[in-house]
Structures are given as C-alpha cells and as structure tokens.
Amino acid sequence: MFDEFTGLLEALGEDEVWEQYSPPPGEEGADAAKAEERDTGDAWERYWAGISRTGRGGDVIWDADSGEEFQWLLGQAQRHFRADLPLIDLGCGNGRYSRELAPHYPSVIGVDVSASAIDHAKREAEGVANVDYLAIDMTDAEQAAVLGEGPYNIFVRGVFHVLDTEARARLAAVADRLLGDEGTLIVHEPDYSSNSFGYLGFVGGKRGRAEDLVGPLEAAGVRHSHRFTRPELAEAFGADGWEIVEDEAIELHAIDPQSDSDALRLPGYYAVLRRRR
C-alpha cells in the first residue's frame, strides 16, 4: 500500500497530472484569466508598493539573500560574461544581485518595471559604488532605448516565466540590440513544470509553506507562472539568431518562512545565450 502511495506521488511530480488539477502559484481557475488581463507593469507596481521588508525574514519570496546561490551565479558570470563590459540586471527588484555583481564589472544598471522596486533598490544600494537603477519596462523598445546600444552583459532572474509569448519575443528583441556582438545573456527561471508536486508543496499559494508571501502577488494581479525551459527558450530566442551556450536544471533559492538560516530550494532552469555572429 505504501509503495503504491509513493508511486502515485512520484507520478504526480514527474507527470503533469498534479499540475492539471493544482494550478501553479497565482492561478486559481477564473481568477487566472482576470490576472492575465491585467497590465503586468501595473500589477508589479501594486505588489512592490506594498513591500515593507526585503531579504531574509522579508516579504519578497525570491529575495533569500543566499550567499551560496550568489557564489554559484558569480562563478557562471565569470565563466561567460566579458569582464570589461557593463552589466544589466534585468528585472532587478530591490537590486540584490545588482549590488553583488557591481564589484566585478565596470558598471551595473538594475532595471525593473516597478518604480517602487527601484526605490527599494536605490535605498538598499546607498554606499555601494558602481551601480545605478532605472524604472524601465524592458518589453517596450522605446523605453529600453534609454540604455543605448551596448554592448552589455545581461542577467535575468525570474522574469520570463511571468511573461506571455508576445512579451518574451519583445524582450528577446531588446536583448538582441543591447548585447551587441560581444555581450552574453544569463537566464535563471523557476521551473514548477519539472516537479509540480515538489514546487507546489513548498510554495503553492494557500496550499504551501509560503502562503503569506505568495498571497500579495496574487492580490496584486501578478501574472501566474508559465513554463519556461528549453522549448520556451528556443521559441523566444530562435536558432537563426541565437546560440544556447549551455543550459541545465538548477535550484533557485527562496525565502523559507519557517527558517531564518535556510532557504527553500525550488526547481529552476538556467541558460546562457549569445547572438550568432
């Protein structure tokens, strides 16, 4: 009997059965359709305007302030980014990674669609040299034009999974221009699809350990997660113009409401891309 039960849990995790009956964070039946119809920028501004605390013990689930995760990222950045190019932290939120990367590159610009997120980032960056922040919708080519032509390195953590297909294509076109011939794009995204049971068991809105952190996202109308792994990456970044240098399954670190020292380890996806010359 127990073997049959564990077998069922494994099937729910590996297949898409659980996902079919248990939507990802932010999606609850008819409410998901309403969330899809809301403007993404406005939703993120509503969310960030309500944030009081960041980092461990804070209100932002993905801001775990994990030294372990950052050291891993820095190793990837040093392997793939040109050290003499400026860097864009795209979807920077409160600027955690912008500040960490700043000492290693000529300059870092954190950009986010929410002006309130940028306000947090500027306050938290006081005394940190080499970093600046701008409120920009990077899916809008006219707004992104303020960054000039590059070349830049670009780091993205947790942005593509909340964009629809059209917005992903627009963002890829902006990245194409900003990277130039020398820049590199590194992408980190959550991947609830690879293990739906595990992801939802940890986060899962009203079902999960992080209900209090996920609830404000849902209330603000932030678009629910879409799958973003190799197939979706390849759709947004076509093979004619882009080379996938490497990609793999990883873990993303998120705040664990039950621990001040540990982080939730969520299934994630990592990729490195360059423009084809």
Foldseek 3Di string as FASTA:
>chain_A
DVVVVVVVLVCVFAPCPVCVVAPFQLDDPPLLVVLVPDDQLQLVQLLLVPWDDAEAVGQAWQRPLDPVVLVVVVVVCVVAFDQAFEEEEEQCQLNSNLLVCQVRHQAYEYEHQHPSSQVNNVVVCVPRPRYYYDNFDLLDLVRLCVVPQAQHAYEYEADVQQDDLSSLLSNLVSNPRRNDQRYKYKYKHFACPNTVSLQCQDPVQVNHQNVSNSVSSSVSSRNGTDGDEDVSVCSSQPPVWKDWPDKDKAWRWTHRNVDSPGTDTGIMMMTMMGTDD
